[in-house]
Amino acid sequence: MVYDGALVVKPDYTTSNDYVLGAGTMTKYPRHLHGDEWTHDKYNSHDVGTDAANQILSRIQNGNPINNFSIPYHISPIVDQCVLPGGRYYLSIKSPPRDTLNDGNKAKMARWLFTLKDETISKIHINPFGMIDQ
């Protein structure tokens, strides 16, 4: 079932048909799970693919799916990189969502650090817990 332009999947990656699995940026969780903020595009694609593959292997080998009653939690960072015109490099590392504080507290406690050298600006984001997350 497609809703809001995305394929709706359950926590075990099944769609409305238990024999069709879906994962990745084209998917979302059902609204009754309150999973709108926890879409697969916010996680490392290797982690999401590994979980989906484990579901498939469990179905083939055991005949049973792995029972996931909550939205899967992934911890690997999301890394984007490329070479820009002029020989400059772009690197972005983001941590997956870990929502433990309300937005007002997060905004007060998080901060950005900037550096400028040779016309290159570097930014580091320190989350409310004092850890670098971007």
N, C-alpha and C. Protein backbone atom coordinates (compact mmCIF):
# COMPACT_ATOMS: atom_id res chain seq x y z
N MET A 1 0.83 -1.17 0.00
CA MET A 1 0.00 0.00 0.00
C MET A 1 0.89 1.25 0.00
N VAL A 2 0.64 2.15 -0.90
CA VAL A 2 1.40 3.39 -0.99
C VAL A 2 0.58 4.50 -0.35
N TYR A 3 1.23 5.28 0.54
CA TYR A 3 0.56 6.38 1.22
C TYR A 3 1.54 7.54 1.33
N ASP A 4 1.11 8.73 0.98
CA ASP A 4 1.97 9.92 0.97
C ASP A 4 3.22 9.71 0.13
N GLY A 5 3.10 8.97 -0.95
CA GLY A 5 4.22 8.77 -1.87
C GLY A 5 5.25 7.75 -1.41
N ALA A 6 4.95 6.98 -0.37
CA ALA A 6 5.91 5.99 0.13
C ALA A 6 5.20 4.66 0.37
N LEU A 7 5.94 3.59 0.24
CA LEU A 7 5.44 2.25 0.48
C LEU A 7 5.37 2.02 1.99
N VAL A 8 4.23 1.67 2.50
CA VAL A 8 4.05 1.47 3.95
C VAL A 8 4.52 0.07 4.31
N VAL A 9 5.46 0.00 5.27
CA VAL A 9 5.99 -1.28 5.73
C VAL A 9 5.82 -1.40 7.24
N LYS A 10 5.72 -2.65 7.70
CA LYS A 10 5.66 -2.93 9.13
C LYS A 10 7.09 -3.04 9.65
N PRO A 11 7.29 -3.11 10.97
CA PRO A 11 8.66 -3.22 11.50
C PRO A 11 9.44 -4.43 10.99
N ASP A 12 8.74 -5.47 10.53
CA ASP A 12 9.45 -6.63 9.97
C ASP A 12 9.63 -6.50 8.45
N TYR A 13 9.46 -5.28 7.93
CA TYR A 13 9.67 -4.93 6.52
C TYR A 13 8.60 -5.48 5.57
N THR A 14 7.54 -6.10 6.08
CA THR A 14 6.48 -6.59 5.20
C THR A 14 5.54 -5.45 4.85
N THR A 15 4.89 -5.60 3.70
CA THR A 15 3.91 -4.62 3.23
C THR A 15 2.52 -5.17 3.58
N SER A 16 1.50 -4.70 2.90
CA SER A 16 0.16 -5.25 3.14
C SER A 16 0.08 -6.71 2.71
N ASN A 17 1.02 -7.16 1.89
CA ASN A 17 1.16 -8.56 1.51
C ASN A 17 2.36 -9.11 2.27
N ASP A 18 2.18 -10.13 3.09
CA ASP A 18 3.26 -10.67 3.93
C ASP A 18 4.40 -11.27 3.12
N TYR A 19 4.20 -11.50 1.81
CA TYR A 19 5.25 -12.07 0.98
C TYR A 19 6.03 -11.01 0.21
N VAL A 20 5.69 -9.75 0.39
CA VAL A 20 6.39 -8.65 -0.27
C VAL A 20 7.05 -7.80 0.81
N LEU A 21 8.38 -7.71 0.76
CA LEU A 21 9.12 -6.91 1.73
C LEU A 21 9.63 -5.63 1.07
N GLY A 22 9.78 -4.59 1.86
CA GLY A 22 10.28 -3.33 1.34
C GLY A 22 11.18 -2.66 2.36
N ALA A 23 12.22 -1.98 1.86
CA ALA A 23 13.14 -1.25 2.73
C ALA A 23 13.78 -0.14 1.92
N GLY A 24 14.27 0.87 2.61
CA GLY A 24 14.99 1.95 1.94
C GLY A 24 14.22 3.25 1.96
N THR A 25 14.71 4.19 1.17
CA THR A 25 14.19 5.55 1.20
C THR A 25 12.77 5.66 0.65
N MET A 26 12.29 4.63 -0.03
CA MET A 26 10.94 4.69 -0.60
C MET A 26 9.88 4.20 0.38
N THR A 27 10.24 3.88 1.61
CA THR A 27 9.31 3.29 2.56
C THR A 27 9.04 4.21 3.74
N LYS A 28 7.96 3.91 4.45
CA LYS A 28 7.63 4.58 5.70
C LYS A 28 6.85 3.60 6.57
N TYR A 29 6.77 3.90 7.85
CA TYR A 29 6.04 3.05 8.79
C TYR A 29 4.59 3.51 8.89
N PRO A 30 3.69 2.62 9.31
CA PRO A 30 2.29 3.02 9.46
C PRO A 30 2.12 4.12 10.51
N ARG A 31 1.11 4.91 10.34
CA ARG A 31 0.87 6.02 11.27
C ARG A 31 0.56 5.53 12.68
N HIS A 32 -0.06 4.34 12.80
CA HIS A 32 -0.41 3.88 14.15
C HIS A 32 0.82 3.54 14.99
N LEU A 33 1.99 3.42 14.36
CA LEU A 33 3.23 3.18 15.10
C LEU A 33 3.91 4.50 15.48
N HIS A 34 3.34 5.63 15.04
CA HIS A 34 3.94 6.94 15.28
C HIS A 34 5.38 6.97 14.78
N GLY A 35 5.61 6.37 13.62
CA GLY A 35 6.95 6.24 13.07
C GLY A 35 7.27 7.22 11.97
N ASP A 36 6.54 8.34 11.89
CA ASP A 36 6.78 9.30 10.81
C ASP A 36 8.21 9.86 10.84
N GLU A 37 8.77 10.01 12.02
CA GLU A 37 10.13 10.56 12.15
C GLU A 37 11.21 9.51 11.96
N TRP A 38 10.86 8.24 11.92
CA TRP A 38 11.86 7.16 11.91
C TRP A 38 11.89 6.44 10.58
N THR A 39 11.89 7.17 9.47
CA THR A 39 11.92 6.56 8.15
C THR A 39 13.31 6.03 7.83
N HIS A 40 13.38 5.09 6.91
CA HIS A 40 14.66 4.44 6.57
C HIS A 40 15.68 5.40 5.98
N ASP A 41 15.24 6.50 5.37
CA ASP A 41 16.21 7.42 4.78
C ASP A 41 17.01 8.17 5.84
N LYS A 42 16.64 8.07 7.10
CA LYS A 42 17.40 8.72 8.17
C LYS A 42 18.42 7.78 8.80
N TYR A 43 18.52 6.57 8.28
CA TYR A 43 19.46 5.58 8.80
C TYR A 43 20.47 5.17 7.74
N ASN A 44 21.55 4.55 8.18
CA ASN A 44 22.56 4.03 7.28
C ASN A 44 21.93 2.92 6.44
N SER A 45 22.04 3.03 5.13
CA SER A 45 21.38 2.07 4.24
C SER A 45 21.94 0.65 4.40
N HIS A 46 23.19 0.54 4.81
CA HIS A 46 23.77 -0.79 5.05
C HIS A 46 23.06 -1.48 6.22
N ASP A 47 22.78 -0.74 7.30
CA ASP A 47 22.07 -1.30 8.45
C ASP A 47 20.65 -1.73 8.08
N VAL A 48 19.95 -0.88 7.34
CA VAL A 48 18.58 -1.19 6.94
C VAL A 48 18.57 -2.41 6.03
N GLY A 49 19.49 -2.46 5.07
CA GLY A 49 19.58 -3.60 4.17
C GLY A 49 19.94 -4.89 4.88
N THR A 50 20.81 -4.80 5.88
CA THR A 50 21.19 -5.99 6.66
C THR A 50 19.99 -6.54 7.42
N ASP A 51 19.21 -5.64 8.04
CA ASP A 51 18.01 -6.10 8.75
C ASP A 51 17.00 -6.74 7.81
N ALA A 52 16.79 -6.12 6.66
CA ALA A 52 15.86 -6.69 5.68
C ALA A 52 16.35 -8.05 5.19
N ALA A 53 17.65 -8.17 4.95
CA ALA A 53 18.22 -9.45 4.50
C ALA A 53 18.08 -10.52 5.58
N ASN A 54 18.26 -10.14 6.85
CA ASN A 54 18.07 -11.10 7.94
C ASN A 54 16.63 -11.58 8.01
N GLN A 55 15.68 -10.70 7.72
CA GLN A 55 14.27 -11.11 7.67
C GLN A 55 14.05 -12.15 6.56
N ILE A 56 14.64 -11.88 5.38
CA ILE A 56 14.48 -12.80 4.26
C ILE A 56 15.11 -14.15 4.58
N LEU A 57 16.34 -14.14 5.13
CA LEU A 57 17.01 -15.40 5.49
C LEU A 57 16.22 -16.17 6.53
N SER A 58 15.67 -15.49 7.52
CA SER A 58 14.88 -16.16 8.54
C SER A 58 13.65 -16.83 7.94
N ARG A 59 13.04 -16.18 6.98
CA ARG A 59 11.87 -16.77 6.32
C ARG A 59 12.25 -17.98 5.48
N ILE A 60 13.40 -17.92 4.82
CA ILE A 60 13.82 -19.03 3.96
C ILE A 60 14.29 -20.22 4.80
N GLN A 61 15.12 -19.95 5.80
CA GLN A 61 15.72 -21.03 6.59
C GLN A 61 14.76 -21.62 7.63
N ASN A 62 14.04 -20.76 8.34
CA ASN A 62 13.19 -21.23 9.43
C ASN A 62 11.72 -21.29 9.05
N GLY A 63 11.36 -20.61 8.00
CA GLY A 63 9.96 -20.52 7.62
C GLY A 63 9.19 -19.49 8.42
N ASN A 64 9.86 -18.83 9.37
CA ASN A 64 9.21 -17.84 10.22
C ASN A 64 9.94 -16.51 10.14
N PRO A 65 9.20 -15.41 10.14
CA PRO A 65 9.86 -14.11 10.20
C PRO A 65 10.38 -13.83 11.61
N ILE A 66 11.36 -12.96 11.70
CA ILE A 66 11.82 -12.49 13.00
C ILE A 66 10.77 -11.52 13.50
N ASN A 67 10.25 -11.75 14.69
CA ASN A 67 9.18 -10.89 15.21
C ASN A 67 9.77 -9.60 15.76
N ASN A 68 9.50 -8.50 15.05
CA ASN A 68 9.87 -7.17 15.52
C ASN A 68 8.58 -6.44 15.84
N PHE A 69 8.39 -6.13 17.10
CA PHE A 69 7.16 -5.45 17.50
C PHE A 69 7.35 -3.95 17.62
N SER A 70 8.58 -3.48 17.47
CA SER A 70 8.82 -2.04 17.50
C SER A 70 9.66 -1.66 16.29
N ILE A 71 9.75 -0.37 16.03
CA ILE A 71 10.51 0.12 14.89
C ILE A 71 11.99 -0.18 15.11
N PRO A 72 12.69 -0.77 14.13
CA PRO A 72 14.11 -1.11 14.30
C PRO A 72 14.95 0.13 14.60
N TYR A 73 15.96 -0.06 15.44
CA TYR A 73 16.85 1.01 15.84
C TYR A 73 18.24 0.73 15.28
N HIS A 74 18.80 1.69 14.55
CA HIS A 74 20.11 1.53 13.93
C HIS A 74 21.05 2.60 14.48
N ILE A 75 22.34 2.27 14.59
CA ILE A 75 23.27 3.21 15.22
C ILE A 75 24.41 3.67 14.31
N SER A 76 24.59 3.09 13.14
CA SER A 76 25.70 3.49 12.27
C SER A 76 25.47 4.89 11.70
N PRO A 77 26.55 5.67 11.56
CA PRO A 77 26.39 7.03 11.01
C PRO A 77 26.06 6.99 9.51
N ILE A 78 25.48 8.09 9.04
CA ILE A 78 25.16 8.24 7.63
C ILE A 78 26.27 9.09 7.02
N VAL A 79 27.00 8.54 6.04
CA VAL A 79 28.16 9.21 5.47
C VAL A 79 27.89 9.52 4.00
N ASP A 80 28.04 10.80 3.64
CA ASP A 80 27.95 11.24 2.25
C ASP A 80 29.28 11.89 1.90
N GLN A 81 29.82 11.55 0.73
CA GLN A 81 31.10 12.13 0.31
C GLN A 81 31.15 12.25 -1.20
N CYS A 82 31.93 13.24 -1.67
CA CYS A 82 32.13 13.41 -3.11
C CYS A 82 33.29 14.36 -3.33
N VAL A 83 33.76 14.40 -4.58
CA VAL A 83 34.79 15.36 -4.98
C VAL A 83 34.09 16.49 -5.72
N LEU A 84 34.29 17.71 -5.26
CA LEU A 84 33.65 18.88 -5.86
C LEU A 84 34.52 19.42 -6.99
N PRO A 85 33.95 20.21 -7.87
CA PRO A 85 34.76 20.85 -8.92
C PRO A 85 35.88 21.67 -8.28
N GLY A 86 37.04 21.65 -8.91
CA GLY A 86 38.19 22.37 -8.37
C GLY A 86 39.04 21.50 -7.44
N GLY A 87 38.71 20.21 -7.35
CA GLY A 87 39.51 19.31 -6.53
C GLY A 87 39.20 19.36 -5.05
N ARG A 88 38.14 20.03 -4.65
CA ARG A 88 37.76 20.09 -3.23
C ARG A 88 36.93 18.86 -2.88
N TYR A 89 37.00 18.47 -1.62
CA TYR A 89 36.27 17.29 -1.15
C TYR A 89 35.13 17.70 -0.25
N TYR A 90 34.02 16.95 -0.33
CA TYR A 90 32.87 17.17 0.53
C TYR A 90 32.67 15.90 1.35
N LEU A 91 32.51 16.06 2.66
CA LEU A 91 32.25 14.94 3.56
C LEU A 91 31.20 15.37 4.56
N SER A 92 30.15 14.58 4.69
CA SER A 92 29.11 14.83 5.67
C SER A 92 28.88 13.55 6.45
N ILE A 93 28.97 13.64 7.76
CA ILE A 93 28.72 12.48 8.63
C ILE A 93 27.64 12.89 9.61
N LYS A 94 26.54 12.18 9.61
CA LYS A 94 25.43 12.48 10.51
C LYS A 94 25.10 11.25 11.32
N SER A 95 24.76 11.45 12.56
CA SER A 95 24.33 10.32 13.38
C SER A 95 22.84 10.09 13.13
N PRO A 96 22.39 8.84 13.24
CA PRO A 96 20.96 8.57 13.07
C PRO A 96 20.16 9.21 14.21
N PRO A 97 18.86 9.35 14.04
CA PRO A 97 18.07 10.01 15.08
C PRO A 97 18.07 9.24 16.39
N ARG A 98 18.25 9.97 17.47
CA ARG A 98 18.13 9.44 18.83
C ARG A 98 17.39 10.51 19.62
N ASP A 99 16.12 10.41 19.67
CA ASP A 99 15.30 11.46 20.24
C ASP A 99 15.03 11.20 21.72
N THR A 100 15.74 11.90 22.60
CA THR A 100 15.52 11.72 24.03
C THR A 100 15.13 13.01 24.73
N LEU A 101 15.33 14.14 24.09
CA LEU A 101 14.95 15.43 24.67
C LEU A 101 13.93 16.12 23.78
N ASN A 102 13.12 16.99 24.37
CA ASN A 102 12.20 17.73 23.53
C ASN A 102 12.97 18.79 22.73
N ASP A 103 12.34 19.31 21.69
CA ASP A 103 13.04 20.22 20.77
C ASP A 103 13.55 21.48 21.44
N GLY A 104 12.82 22.00 22.42
CA GLY A 104 13.26 23.21 23.11
C GLY A 104 14.57 23.01 23.86
N ASN A 105 14.70 21.89 24.56
CA ASN A 105 15.94 21.60 25.29
C ASN A 105 17.09 21.32 24.34
N LYS A 106 16.81 20.64 23.24
CA LYS A 106 17.88 20.34 22.28
C LYS A 106 18.46 21.61 21.69
N ALA A 107 17.59 22.55 21.34
CA ALA A 107 18.06 23.78 20.73
C ALA A 107 18.95 24.57 21.68
N LYS A 108 18.66 24.53 22.98
CA LYS A 108 19.45 25.27 23.97
C LYS A 108 20.80 24.62 24.23
N MET A 109 20.87 23.30 24.15
CA MET A 109 22.07 22.58 24.57
C MET A 109 23.02 22.23 23.43
N ALA A 110 22.54 22.22 22.18
CA ALA A 110 23.39 21.88 21.04
C ALA A 110 24.13 23.12 20.56
N ARG A 111 25.26 22.91 19.86
CA ARG A 111 26.00 24.07 19.34
C ARG A 111 26.82 23.65 18.12
N TRP A 112 27.20 24.67 17.32
CA TRP A 112 28.02 24.48 16.13
C TRP A 112 29.38 25.12 16.37
N LEU A 113 30.45 24.49 15.88
CA LEU A 113 31.80 25.06 15.88
C LEU A 113 32.21 25.26 14.42
N PHE A 114 32.77 26.43 14.09
CA PHE A 114 33.17 26.76 12.72
C PHE A 114 34.66 27.06 12.67
N THR A 115 35.31 26.65 11.58
CA THR A 115 36.70 27.04 11.32
C THR A 115 36.80 27.50 9.87
N LEU A 116 37.75 28.38 9.61
CA LEU A 116 38.00 28.86 8.26
C LEU A 116 39.49 28.83 8.00
N LYS A 117 39.91 28.09 6.95
CA LYS A 117 41.31 28.04 6.58
C LYS A 117 41.39 27.87 5.08
N ASP A 118 42.19 28.72 4.43
CA ASP A 118 42.37 28.64 2.98
C ASP A 118 41.03 28.65 2.24
N GLU A 119 40.14 29.55 2.63
CA GLU A 119 38.83 29.70 2.02
C GLU A 119 37.95 28.46 2.16
N THR A 120 38.26 27.59 3.10
CA THR A 120 37.46 26.40 3.34
C THR A 120 36.83 26.52 4.73
N ILE A 121 35.52 26.42 4.79
CA ILE A 121 34.80 26.48 6.06
C ILE A 121 34.48 25.06 6.49
N SER A 122 34.78 24.75 7.73
CA SER A 122 34.43 23.45 8.31
C SER A 122 33.48 23.69 9.47
N LYS A 123 32.46 22.85 9.58
CA LYS A 123 31.49 22.97 10.66
C LYS A 123 31.41 21.65 11.42
N ILE A 124 31.32 21.74 12.72
CA ILE A 124 31.14 20.56 13.57
C ILE A 124 29.95 20.86 14.47
N HIS A 125 29.00 19.93 14.52
CA HIS A 125 27.83 20.08 15.39
C HIS A 125 28.01 19.20 16.61
N ILE A 126 27.87 19.80 17.78
CA ILE A 126 27.96 19.06 19.04
C ILE A 126 26.54 18.95 19.59
N ASN A 127 26.09 17.71 19.80
CA ASN A 127 24.73 17.50 20.26
C ASN A 127 24.59 17.85 21.74
N PRO A 128 23.38 17.80 22.28
CA PRO A 128 23.16 18.18 23.68
C PRO A 128 23.95 17.34 24.69
N PHE A 129 24.43 16.19 24.27
CA PHE A 129 25.16 15.31 25.19
C PHE A 129 26.67 15.49 25.07
N GLY A 130 27.12 16.51 24.28
CA GLY A 130 28.54 16.78 24.14
C GLY A 130 29.26 15.90 23.14
N MET A 131 28.51 15.20 22.30
CA MET A 131 29.10 14.31 21.30
C MET A 131 28.98 14.95 19.91
N ILE A 132 30.00 14.76 19.07
CA ILE A 132 29.95 15.26 17.70
C ILE A 132 29.01 14.37 16.91
N ASP A 133 28.00 14.97 16.28
CA ASP A 133 27.06 14.17 15.50
C ASP A 133 26.95 14.59 14.04
N GLN A 134 27.57 15.73 13.66
CA GLN A 134 27.59 16.13 12.26
C GLN A 134 28.88 16.83 11.98
